[in-house]
């Protein structure tokens, strides 16, 4: 499967190498430093977003901006699934009303954080998060 985030990161790193005369920054962003172009996929299919600041009962919700801003919102009903995240390069927020632990994973599948049931975060750095699992 084609991973746009990883490809964008590699392209950005190569561009930085060429422009810097050989010195490369420690990290490379994939696109602008925001989540406005963020996409969340399940089985390669982009998931629909809605505009709202509340998270339905029984769902895990992610917000592209901090403080539960309703500009870009995704709600995932309780089910055991793996989701990938493309172009999430900045801080956002989340609410876990699902009743399950959400496991945030890095580029190699390693666990980089979690969201316990009944918790929320108004400001989370999603830059190290490349995917998440419900269940």
C-alpha atoms as a PDB file:
ATOM      1  CA  UNK A   1       0.000   0.000   0.000  1.00  0.00           C
ATOM      2  CA  UNK A   2       1.249   3.495  -0.850  1.00  0.00           C
ATOM      3  CA  UNK A   3       1.968   5.541   2.280  1.00  0.00           C
ATOM      4  CA  UNK A   4       1.722   9.230   1.411  1.00  0.00           C
ATOM      5  CA  UNK A   5       3.006  10.399   4.770  1.00  0.00           C
ATOM      6  CA  UNK A   6       6.173   8.314   4.576  1.00  0.00           C
ATOM      7  CA  UNK A   7       6.746   9.295   0.915  1.00  0.00           C
ATOM      8  CA  UNK A   8       6.255  12.977   1.755  1.00  0.00           C
ATOM      9  CA  UNK A   9       8.723  12.673   4.628  1.00  0.00           C
ATOM     10  CA  UNK A  10      11.359  11.047   2.401  1.00  0.00           C
ATOM     11  CA  UNK A  11      10.861  13.682  -0.311  1.00  0.00           C
ATOM     12  CA  UNK A  12      11.118  16.467   2.278  1.00  0.00           C
ATOM     13  CA  UNK A  13      14.319  14.963   3.695  1.00  0.00           C
ATOM     14  CA  UNK A  14      15.897  14.692   0.246  1.00  0.00           C
ATOM     15  CA  UNK A  15      14.910  18.284  -0.566  1.00  0.00           C
ATOM     16  CA  UNK A  16      16.414  19.451   2.738  1.00  0.00           C
ATOM     17  CA  UNK A  17      19.628  17.603   1.923  1.00  0.00           C
ATOM     18  CA  UNK A  18      19.897  19.216  -1.494  1.00  0.00           C
ATOM     19  CA  UNK A  19      19.044  22.718  -0.255  1.00  0.00           C
ATOM     20  CA  UNK A  20      21.313  22.587   2.786  1.00  0.00           C
ATOM     21  CA  UNK A  21      24.409  21.426   0.973  1.00  0.00           C
ATOM     22  CA  UNK A  22      24.484  18.155   2.872  1.00  0.00           C
ATOM     23  CA  UNK A  23      23.192  18.905   6.393  1.00  0.00           C
ATOM     24  CA  UNK A  24      19.781  17.401   7.138  1.00  0.00           C
ATOM     25  CA  UNK A  25      17.435  18.465   9.923  1.00  0.00           C
ATOM     26  CA  UNK A  26      16.763  15.829  12.592  1.00  0.00           C
ATOM     27  CA  UNK A  27      13.111  15.546  11.546  1.00  0.00           C
ATOM     28  CA  UNK A  28      11.209  16.367   8.392  1.00  0.00           C
ATOM     29  CA  UNK A  29       7.579  17.423   8.316  1.00  0.00           C
ATOM     30  CA  UNK A  30       5.220  16.007   5.721  1.00  0.00           C
ATOM     31  CA  UNK A  31       3.547  19.136   4.429  1.00  0.00           C
ATOM     32  CA  UNK A  32       2.602  22.176   6.452  1.00  0.00           C
ATOM     33  CA  UNK A  33       2.809  22.133  10.235  1.00  0.00           C
ATOM     34  CA  UNK A  34      -0.919  21.595  10.758  1.00  0.00           C
ATOM     35  CA  UNK A  35      -3.469  18.806  10.398  1.00  0.00           C
ATOM     36  CA  UNK A  36      -5.750  20.575   7.891  1.00  0.00           C
ATOM     37  CA  UNK A  37      -5.000  18.006   5.187  1.00  0.00           C
ATOM     38  CA  UNK A  38      -5.152  15.097   7.620  1.00  0.00           C
ATOM     39  CA  UNK A  39      -6.667  11.840   6.453  1.00  0.00           C
ATOM     40  CA  UNK A  40      -7.569   8.785   8.531  1.00  0.00           C
ATOM     41  CA  UNK A  41      -7.905   5.459   6.728  1.00  0.00           C
ATOM     42  CA  UNK A  42      -9.241   2.016   7.608  1.00  0.00           C
ATOM     43  CA  UNK A  43      -8.213  -0.753   5.210  1.00  0.00           C
ATOM     44  CA  UNK A  44      -6.928   1.942   2.830  1.00  0.00           C
ATOM     45  CA  UNK A  45     -10.286   3.744   2.674  1.00  0.00           C
ATOM     46  CA  UNK A  46     -10.462   7.368   3.822  1.00  0.00           C
ATOM     47  CA  UNK A  47     -12.907   7.799   6.695  1.00  0.00           C
ATOM     48  CA  UNK A  48     -15.536  10.538   6.593  1.00  0.00           C
ATOM     49  CA  UNK A  49     -15.291  13.516   8.904  1.00  0.00           C
ATOM     50  CA  UNK A  50     -18.001  15.730  10.306  1.00  0.00           C
ATOM     51  CA  UNK A  51     -18.143  19.241  11.691  1.00  0.00           C
ATOM     52  CA  UNK A  52     -18.936  19.107  15.378  1.00  0.00           C
ATOM     53  CA  UNK A  53     -17.353  19.658  18.755  1.00  0.00           C
ATOM     54  CA  UNK A  54     -19.066  16.868  20.707  1.00  0.00           C
ATOM     55  CA  UNK A  55     -18.151  13.186  20.666  1.00  0.00           C
ATOM     56  CA  UNK A  56     -21.024  10.681  20.532  1.00  0.00           C
ATOM     57  CA  UNK A  57     -21.304   8.114  23.305  1.00  0.00           C
ATOM     58  CA  UNK A  58     -19.575   4.857  22.378  1.00  0.00           C
ATOM     59  CA  UNK A  59     -17.107   6.568  20.026  1.00  0.00           C
ATOM     60  CA  UNK A  60     -13.484   7.671  19.877  1.00  0.00           C
ATOM     61  CA  UNK A  61     -13.185  11.145  18.334  1.00  0.00           C
ATOM     62  CA  UNK A  62     -10.200  13.002  16.914  1.00  0.00           C
ATOM     63  CA  UNK A  63     -10.019  16.699  16.181  1.00  0.00           C
ATOM     64  CA  UNK A  64      -7.475  18.145  13.742  1.00  0.00           C
ATOM     65  CA  UNK A  65      -7.019  21.170  15.998  1.00  0.00           C
ATOM     66  CA  UNK A  66      -6.462  21.631  19.723  1.00  0.00           C
ATOM     67  CA  UNK A  67      -9.210  22.466  22.207  1.00  0.00           C
ATOM     68  CA  UNK A  68     -11.724  20.188  20.393  1.00  0.00           C
ATOM     69  CA  UNK A  69     -12.075  22.700  17.552  1.00  0.00           C
ATOM     70  CA  UNK A  70     -14.844  21.513  15.239  1.00  0.00           C
ATOM     71  CA  UNK A  71     -13.070  22.395  11.959  1.00  0.00           C
ATOM     72  CA  UNK A  72     -12.155  18.753  11.158  1.00  0.00           C
ATOM     73  CA  UNK A  73     -13.623  16.013  13.356  1.00  0.00           C
ATOM     74  CA  UNK A  74     -13.660  12.229  13.017  1.00  0.00           C
ATOM     75  CA  UNK A  75     -15.809   9.887  15.133  1.00  0.00           C
ATOM     76  CA  UNK A  76     -15.077   6.150  15.228  1.00  0.00           C
ATOM     77  CA  UNK A  77     -17.749   3.841  16.632  1.00  0.00           C
ATOM     78  CA  UNK A  78     -16.645   1.158  19.034  1.00  0.00           C
ATOM     79  CA  UNK A  79     -15.207  -1.687  17.018  1.00  0.00           C
ATOM     80  CA  UNK A  80     -11.833  -3.409  16.819  1.00  0.00           C
ATOM     81  CA  UNK A  81      -9.998  -1.758  13.939  1.00  0.00           C
ATOM     82  CA  UNK A  82      -6.617  -0.419  12.879  1.00  0.00           C
ATOM     83  CA  UNK A  83      -6.525   3.104  11.400  1.00  0.00           C
ATOM     84  CA  UNK A  84      -3.666   4.833   9.603  1.00  0.00           C
ATOM     85  CA  UNK A  85      -3.095   8.591   9.710  1.00  0.00           C
ATOM     86  CA  UNK A  86      -1.726  10.634   6.807  1.00  0.00           C
ATOM     87  CA  UNK A  87      -0.642  14.286   7.055  1.00  0.00           C
ATOM     88  CA  UNK A  88      -1.110  14.609  10.835  1.00  0.00           C
ATOM     89  CA  UNK A  89       1.903  16.846  11.532  1.00  0.00           C
ATOM     90  CA  UNK A  90       0.834  19.022  14.440  1.00  0.00           C
ATOM     91  CA  UNK A  91      -1.144  19.217  17.652  1.00  0.00           C
ATOM     92  CA  UNK A  92      -4.791  18.215  17.810  1.00  0.00           C
ATOM     93  CA  UNK A  93      -7.187  16.820  20.394  1.00  0.00           C
ATOM     94  CA  UNK A  94      -9.195  13.695  21.130  1.00  0.00           C
ATOM     95  CA  UNK A  95     -12.042  12.315  23.279  1.00  0.00           C
ATOM     96  CA  UNK A  96     -12.363   8.623  24.160  1.00  0.00           C
ATOM     97  CA  UNK A  97     -16.016   7.783  24.818  1.00  0.00           C
ATOM     98  CA  UNK A  98     -15.576   4.279  23.354  1.00  0.00           C
ATOM     99  CA  UNK A  99     -15.083   2.225  26.501  1.00  0.00           C
ATOM    100  CA  UNK A 100     -11.865   0.747  25.022  1.00  0.00           C
ATOM    101  CA  UNK A 101      -8.190   1.685  25.232  1.00  0.00           C
ATOM    102  CA  UNK A 102      -6.945   3.384  22.064  1.00  0.00           C
ATOM    103  CA  UNK A 103      -3.309   2.569  21.237  1.00  0.00           C
ATOM    104  CA  UNK A 104      -1.379   5.239  19.314  1.00  0.00           C
ATOM    105  CA  UNK A 105       1.425   3.756  17.192  1.00  0.00           C
ATOM    106  CA  UNK A 106       4.567   5.138  15.579  1.00  0.00           C
ATOM    107  CA  UNK A 107       5.924   4.496  12.065  1.00  0.00           C
ATOM    108  CA  UNK A 108       7.212   1.028  12.978  1.00  0.00           C
ATOM    109  CA  UNK A 109       4.031  -0.003  14.785  1.00  0.00           C
ATOM    110  CA  UNK A 110       5.526   0.689  18.225  1.00  0.00           C
ATOM    111  CA  UNK A 111       3.190   2.074  20.897  1.00  0.00           C
ATOM    112  CA  UNK A 112       3.820   5.794  21.423  1.00  0.00           C
ATOM    113  CA  UNK A 113       0.822   6.527  23.656  1.00  0.00           C
ATOM    114  CA  UNK A 114      -2.693   5.545  24.585  1.00  0.00           C
ATOM    115  CA  UNK A 115      -6.118   6.947  25.405  1.00  0.00           C
ATOM    116  CA  UNK A 116      -7.872   5.269  28.327  1.00  0.00           C
ATOM    117  CA  UNK A 117     -11.665   4.958  28.311  1.00  0.00           C
ATOM    118  CA  UNK A 118     -13.441   8.096  29.537  1.00  0.00           C
ATOM    119  CA  UNK A 119     -10.434  10.379  29.007  1.00  0.00           C
ATOM    120  CA  UNK A 120      -9.662  13.255  26.664  1.00  0.00           C
ATOM    121  CA  UNK A 121      -6.826  15.547  25.655  1.00  0.00           C
ATOM    122  CA  UNK A 122      -7.275  19.146  24.487  1.00  0.00           C
ATOM    123  CA  UNK A 123      -3.701  19.279  23.141  1.00  0.00           C
ATOM    124  CA  UNK A 124      -1.845  16.229  21.798  1.00  0.00           C
ATOM    125  CA  UNK A 125       1.171  16.221  19.486  1.00  0.00           C
ATOM    126  CA  UNK A 126       0.160  13.846  16.676  1.00  0.00           C
ATOM    127  CA  UNK A 127       3.474  14.176  14.826  1.00  0.00           C
ATOM    128  CA  UNK A 128       4.883  10.866  16.208  1.00  0.00           C
ATOM    129  CA  UNK A 129       1.521   9.065  15.698  1.00  0.00           C
ATOM    130  CA  UNK A 130       1.160   7.253  12.379  1.00  0.00           C
ATOM    131  CA  UNK A 131      -1.740   4.944  13.279  1.00  0.00           C
ATOM    132  CA  UNK A 132      -4.012   3.853  16.108  1.00  0.00           C
ATOM    133  CA  UNK A 133      -5.856   0.731  17.185  1.00  0.00           C
ATOM    134  CA  UNK A 134      -9.178   0.433  18.927  1.00  0.00           C
ATOM    135  CA  UNK A 135      -9.573  -2.553  21.306  1.00  0.00           C
END
